């Protein structure tokens, strides 16, 4: 069954106290909005089209997205009109909050199934907040005064309470980072990577780690870092956009930035690569 998605990114984000839009603040190496969009694109089947509504005075763009994703600027005062126009087309629709970056594709799948009998929603922890996501027939949602605040819908529970977090300030961003880190660690563990103290490491979503590699406490892996198989990444090492070959040992407190470490190499403690 084909369906569409609309992601709403129309809030000011004043609580961030930043010149950067709250939708573009980094979460595990990617913008907050990227996580919200990617969860929708990871659904099976993915949406036939995905529209991101954002403020005209806050341009948004994300890299590496398929042609089915487009961005539509909305002038101040025109938010409700633009929202109704976006959802009014016939067919199944999922309306998602752009700061609900922790919702998973599995949760969206449950939401879409629940919407087969009407309108379904995933609500945040507090009633006065907009829904994290609403699903149903487009024209039906357009009849509501504000589709972001549905009433009398089928409520869909999230797998964990953490998914209900809206990232609207820096503390929520930090808490969301822990959630994403734990998910990434679990994914790498399932692929054959060992973490000595996983709660002490940090890694971005684009990091790749080979099988039988051991990651010690305090390690930070950022950007598009690639680590080969059978490596030892010693304590408190930091690798940024680095390429670590197979069988490498970083003894500890190493700093590798946009550099390559050859297969079977051993870096002594405090050794650096890629720095002036």
Protein backbone atom coordinates (compact mmCIF):
# COMPACT_ATOMS: atom_id res chain seq x y z
CA UNK A 1 0.00 0.00 0.00
CA UNK A 2 1.37 3.40 -0.97
CA UNK A 3 1.46 6.20 1.56
CA UNK A 4 2.85 9.69 1.99
CA UNK A 5 4.68 11.37 4.85
CA UNK A 6 4.76 14.99 5.99
CA UNK A 7 7.36 16.12 8.51
CA UNK A 8 6.62 19.34 10.39
CA UNK A 9 9.67 21.48 11.21
CA UNK A 10 7.99 24.80 12.01
CA UNK A 11 9.04 25.56 15.60
CA UNK A 12 11.40 28.38 16.55
CA UNK A 13 13.57 26.38 18.92
CA UNK A 14 14.17 29.34 21.21
CA UNK A 15 15.17 27.06 24.09
CA UNK A 16 18.38 26.15 22.24
CA UNK A 17 19.63 29.76 22.36
CA UNK A 18 21.45 29.13 19.11
CA UNK A 19 21.85 30.65 15.66
CA UNK A 20 21.56 27.09 14.34
CA UNK A 21 18.06 25.69 13.84
CA UNK A 22 17.17 23.08 16.45
CA UNK A 23 16.38 20.74 13.57
CA UNK A 24 19.99 20.95 12.39
CA UNK A 25 21.76 20.41 15.71
CA UNK A 26 23.93 17.26 15.50
CA UNK A 27 22.73 14.03 17.05
CA UNK A 28 25.28 11.21 16.71
CA UNK A 29 26.86 12.93 13.75
CA UNK A 30 23.66 13.74 11.84
CA UNK A 31 21.08 16.54 12.24
CA UNK A 32 18.07 15.94 14.47
CA UNK A 33 15.77 16.26 11.45
CA UNK A 34 17.78 13.63 9.56
CA UNK A 35 16.93 11.05 12.22
CA UNK A 36 13.21 11.83 11.97
CA UNK A 37 13.25 11.62 8.16
CA UNK A 38 15.41 8.49 8.04
CA UNK A 39 13.08 6.53 10.33
CA UNK A 40 10.24 7.18 7.88
CA UNK A 41 12.37 6.30 4.85
CA UNK A 42 13.42 3.03 6.53
CA UNK A 43 9.82 1.82 6.66
CA UNK A 44 8.80 -1.05 4.40
CA UNK A 45 7.49 0.05 2.01
CA UNK A 46 8.93 3.58 2.24
CA UNK A 47 6.67 6.58 1.60
CA UNK A 48 6.06 7.37 -2.05
CA UNK A 49 6.85 10.99 -1.20
CA UNK A 50 8.03 12.82 1.89
CA UNK A 51 7.44 16.54 2.38
CA UNK A 52 9.28 18.61 5.00
CA UNK A 53 7.49 21.81 6.01
CA UNK A 54 9.90 24.40 7.44
CA UNK A 55 9.95 28.12 8.13
CA UNK A 56 10.91 30.23 5.15
CA UNK A 57 13.30 32.26 7.33
CA UNK A 58 15.06 29.07 8.48
CA UNK A 59 16.23 27.21 5.36
CA UNK A 60 16.69 23.48 5.90
CA UNK A 61 18.44 20.89 3.79
CA UNK A 62 19.80 17.41 4.37
CA UNK A 63 22.40 15.49 2.36
CA UNK A 64 22.05 12.04 0.81
CA UNK A 65 18.26 11.97 0.51
CA UNK A 66 16.29 10.31 -2.29
CA UNK A 67 14.36 12.39 -4.87
CA UNK A 68 11.10 11.51 -3.10
CA UNK A 69 12.03 13.96 -0.31
CA UNK A 70 11.34 17.64 -0.88
CA UNK A 71 11.39 20.74 1.33
CA UNK A 72 8.69 23.41 1.33
CA UNK A 73 9.29 26.80 2.99
CA UNK A 74 6.36 28.27 4.92
CA UNK A 75 5.98 31.99 5.69
CA UNK A 76 5.22 33.07 9.24
CA UNK A 77 1.49 33.15 9.86
CA UNK A 78 0.86 30.60 7.10
CA UNK A 79 1.73 27.49 9.11
CA UNK A 80 -1.80 26.14 9.56
CA UNK A 81 -2.81 26.79 5.96
CA UNK A 82 0.33 25.09 4.66
CA UNK A 83 -0.20 22.15 6.99
CA UNK A 84 -3.78 21.59 5.83
CA UNK A 85 -2.71 21.86 2.19
CA UNK A 86 0.06 19.31 2.75
CA UNK A 87 -2.19 16.65 4.30
CA UNK A 88 -5.34 17.17 2.19
CA UNK A 89 -4.40 14.98 -0.78
CA UNK A 90 -6.27 11.64 -0.94
CA UNK A 91 -4.51 8.54 0.34
CA UNK A 92 -2.80 7.28 3.47
CA UNK A 93 -0.62 9.76 5.28
CA UNK A 94 1.76 9.93 8.23
CA UNK A 95 2.23 13.37 9.78
CA UNK A 96 5.40 13.41 11.88
CA UNK A 97 7.06 15.88 14.24
CA UNK A 98 10.54 16.91 13.05
CA UNK A 99 11.93 16.84 16.59
CA UNK A 100 10.64 13.31 17.29
CA UNK A 101 14.03 11.94 16.27
CA UNK A 102 13.87 8.79 18.41
CA UNK A 103 10.80 7.20 16.83
CA UNK A 104 11.77 4.03 14.97
CA UNK A 105 10.56 2.57 11.70
CA UNK A 106 9.01 -0.29 13.70
CA UNK A 107 6.90 2.18 15.67
CA UNK A 108 5.82 3.91 12.47
CA UNK A 109 4.80 0.50 11.08
CA UNK A 110 2.54 -0.09 14.09
CA UNK A 111 1.09 3.39 13.65
CA UNK A 112 0.23 2.74 10.01
CA UNK A 113 -1.40 -0.58 10.83
CA UNK A 114 -3.51 1.05 13.54
CA UNK A 115 -4.60 3.74 11.08
CA UNK A 116 -6.22 1.19 8.77
CA UNK A 117 -9.36 1.49 10.92
CA UNK A 118 -9.34 5.28 11.23
CA UNK A 119 -6.92 7.86 12.62
CA UNK A 120 -4.09 6.77 14.94
CA UNK A 121 -1.56 8.82 16.84
CA UNK A 122 1.60 8.59 18.92
CA UNK A 123 1.42 11.15 21.70
CA UNK A 124 4.17 12.78 23.68
CA UNK A 125 4.20 12.41 27.44
CA UNK A 126 2.23 15.65 28.03
CA UNK A 127 -1.20 16.39 26.60
CA UNK A 128 -0.50 20.01 25.61
CA UNK A 129 2.33 19.00 23.27
CA UNK A 130 1.76 18.21 19.58
CA UNK A 131 1.51 14.55 18.66
CA UNK A 132 4.77 12.87 17.74
CA UNK A 133 3.02 11.33 14.73
CA UNK A 134 -0.50 11.01 13.33
CA UNK A 135 -1.60 8.58 10.61
CA UNK A 136 -4.82 8.29 8.64
CA UNK A 137 -6.56 9.34 5.47
CA UNK A 138 -5.33 12.73 4.26
CA UNK A 139 -8.72 14.45 3.76
CA UNK A 140 -9.86 13.22 7.17
CA UNK A 141 -6.84 14.80 8.85
CA UNK A 142 -7.41 18.02 6.91
CA UNK A 143 -10.84 18.38 8.54
CA UNK A 144 -9.24 18.81 11.97
CA UNK A 145 -8.48 22.37 13.07
CA UNK A 146 -4.84 21.39 13.69
CA UNK A 147 -3.85 17.82 12.72
CA UNK A 148 -0.90 18.01 15.13
CA UNK A 149 -3.35 17.96 18.05
CA UNK A 150 -5.70 15.06 17.26
CA UNK A 151 -8.66 14.07 19.46
CA UNK A 152 -10.42 10.74 19.77
CA UNK A 153 -7.78 8.80 17.86
CA UNK A 154 -6.43 5.32 18.38
CA UNK A 155 -3.33 5.71 20.51
CA UNK A 156 -0.26 3.72 19.58
CA UNK A 157 2.33 3.03 22.26
CA UNK A 158 6.04 3.31 21.64
CA UNK A 159 8.36 0.40 22.37
CA UNK A 160 10.21 2.48 24.97
CA UNK A 161 9.44 5.69 26.82
CA UNK A 162 12.59 7.24 25.32
CA UNK A 163 10.95 7.35 21.89
CA UNK A 164 8.45 9.90 23.21
CA UNK A 165 11.15 12.52 23.80
CA UNK A 166 10.88 15.73 21.76
CA UNK A 167 14.28 17.31 21.21
CA UNK A 168 13.46 20.95 21.91
CA UNK A 169 16.40 21.97 24.13
CA UNK A 170 20.02 21.04 24.70
CA UNK A 171 19.31 18.75 27.66
CA UNK A 172 16.83 16.73 25.61
CA UNK A 173 19.46 16.58 22.85
CA UNK A 174 22.02 15.17 25.30
CA UNK A 175 19.56 12.57 26.58
CA UNK A 176 18.65 11.60 23.02
CA UNK A 177 22.35 11.17 22.25
CA UNK A 178 22.60 8.51 24.94
CA UNK A 179 19.62 6.66 23.48
CA UNK A 180 21.06 6.72 19.97
CA UNK A 181 24.49 5.70 21.27
CA UNK A 182 22.99 2.67 23.01
CA UNK A 183 21.16 1.66 19.83
CA UNK A 184 24.32 1.96 17.77
CA UNK A 185 26.37 -0.03 20.26
CA UNK A 186 23.78 -2.80 20.25
CA UNK A 187 23.77 -2.87 16.44
CA UNK A 188 27.57 -3.17 16.30
CA UNK A 189 27.54 -5.88 18.97
CA UNK A 190 25.11 -7.89 16.85
CA UNK A 191 27.58 -7.57 13.97
CA UNK A 192 30.49 -8.95 16.02
CA UNK A 193 32.06 -5.97 17.80
CA UNK A 194 32.94 -6.05 21.53
CA UNK A 195 32.68 -3.02 23.85
CA UNK A 196 34.38 -3.29 27.25
CA UNK A 197 32.26 -0.55 28.88
CA UNK A 198 29.71 0.52 26.27
CA UNK A 199 28.21 3.25 28.45
CA UNK A 200 31.49 5.19 28.25
CA UNK A 201 31.96 5.26 24.47
CA UNK A 202 30.60 7.62 21.83
CA UNK A 203 30.07 6.80 18.16
CA UNK A 204 28.29 8.44 15.26
CA UNK A 205 25.75 6.80 12.96
CA UNK A 206 28.15 6.66 9.99
CA UNK A 207 30.91 4.77 11.85
CA UNK A 208 31.71 1.28 10.51
CA UNK A 209 33.54 -1.33 12.62
CA UNK A 210 34.77 -4.76 11.50
CA UNK A 211 34.13 -8.06 13.25
CA UNK A 212 36.16 -9.15 16.28
CA UNK A 213 37.26 -5.60 17.01
CA UNK A 214 37.43 -4.66 20.70
CA UNK A 215 36.58 -1.12 21.81
CA UNK A 216 37.90 -0.06 25.21
CA UNK A 217 36.32 2.50 27.60
CA UNK A 218 36.23 6.19 26.75
CA UNK A 219 36.63 5.75 22.99
CA UNK A 220 35.14 8.40 20.67
CA UNK A 221 34.47 7.48 17.03
CA UNK A 222 33.14 10.30 14.87
CA UNK A 223 32.14 11.07 11.31
CA UNK A 224 32.62 8.53 8.54
CA UNK A 225 35.26 6.55 10.46
CA UNK A 226 35.95 3.03 9.21
CA UNK A 227 37.67 0.49 11.46
CA UNK A 228 38.79 -2.89 10.14
CA UNK A 229 38.32 -6.30 11.67
CA UNK A 230 40.34 -7.71 14.59
CA UNK A 231 41.43 -4.30 15.86
CA UNK A 232 41.98 -3.10 19.41
CA UNK A 233 40.87 0.49 20.00
CA UNK A 234 42.54 1.39 23.28
CA UNK A 235 41.07 3.52 26.05
CA UNK A 236 40.24 7.18 25.45
CA UNK A 237 41.24 7.13 21.80
CA UNK A 238 39.47 9.49 19.41
CA UNK A 239 39.11 8.85 15.68
CA UNK A 240 37.49 11.44 13.38
CA UNK A 241 36.83 10.49 9.74
CA UNK A 242 39.71 8.04 10.03
CA UNK A 243 40.43 4.80 8.23
CA UNK A 244 41.86 2.12 10.51
CA UNK A 245 43.14 -1.01 8.79
CA UNK A 246 42.68 -4.65 9.78
CA UNK A 247 44.45 -5.87 12.90
CA UNK A 248 45.46 -2.40 14.10
CA UNK A 249 46.10 -1.64 17.76
CA UNK A 250 45.59 1.84 19.12
CA UNK A 251 47.25 1.47 22.48
CA UNK A 252 45.30 4.28 24.11
CA UNK A 253 44.84 8.04 24.21
CA UNK A 254 45.46 8.14 20.46
CA UNK A 255 44.10 10.90 18.21
CA UNK A 256 43.50 10.12 14.52
CA UNK A 257 41.94 12.80 12.32
CA UNK A 258 41.22 12.21 8.62
CA UNK A 259 44.18 9.87 8.36
CA UNK A 260 44.78 6.24 7.41
CA UNK A 261 46.45 3.68 9.67
CA UNK A 262 47.78 0.68 7.73
CA UNK A 263 46.95 -2.96 8.47
CA UNK A 264 48.63 -4.52 11.53
CA UNK A 265 50.04 -1.17 12.70
CA UNK A 266 50.49 -0.42 16.40
CA UNK A 267 50.20 3.15 17.65
CA UNK A 268 51.93 3.76 20.95
CA UNK A 269 50.02 5.57 23.69
CA UNK A 270 49.36 9.27 22.98
CA UNK A 271 50.46 8.94 19.34
CA UNK A 272 48.64 11.20 16.87
CA UNK A 273 47.96 10.92 13.15
CA UNK A 274 46.63 13.54 10.79
CA UNK A 275 47.45 16.58 12.92
CA UNK A 276 49.94 19.35 12.26
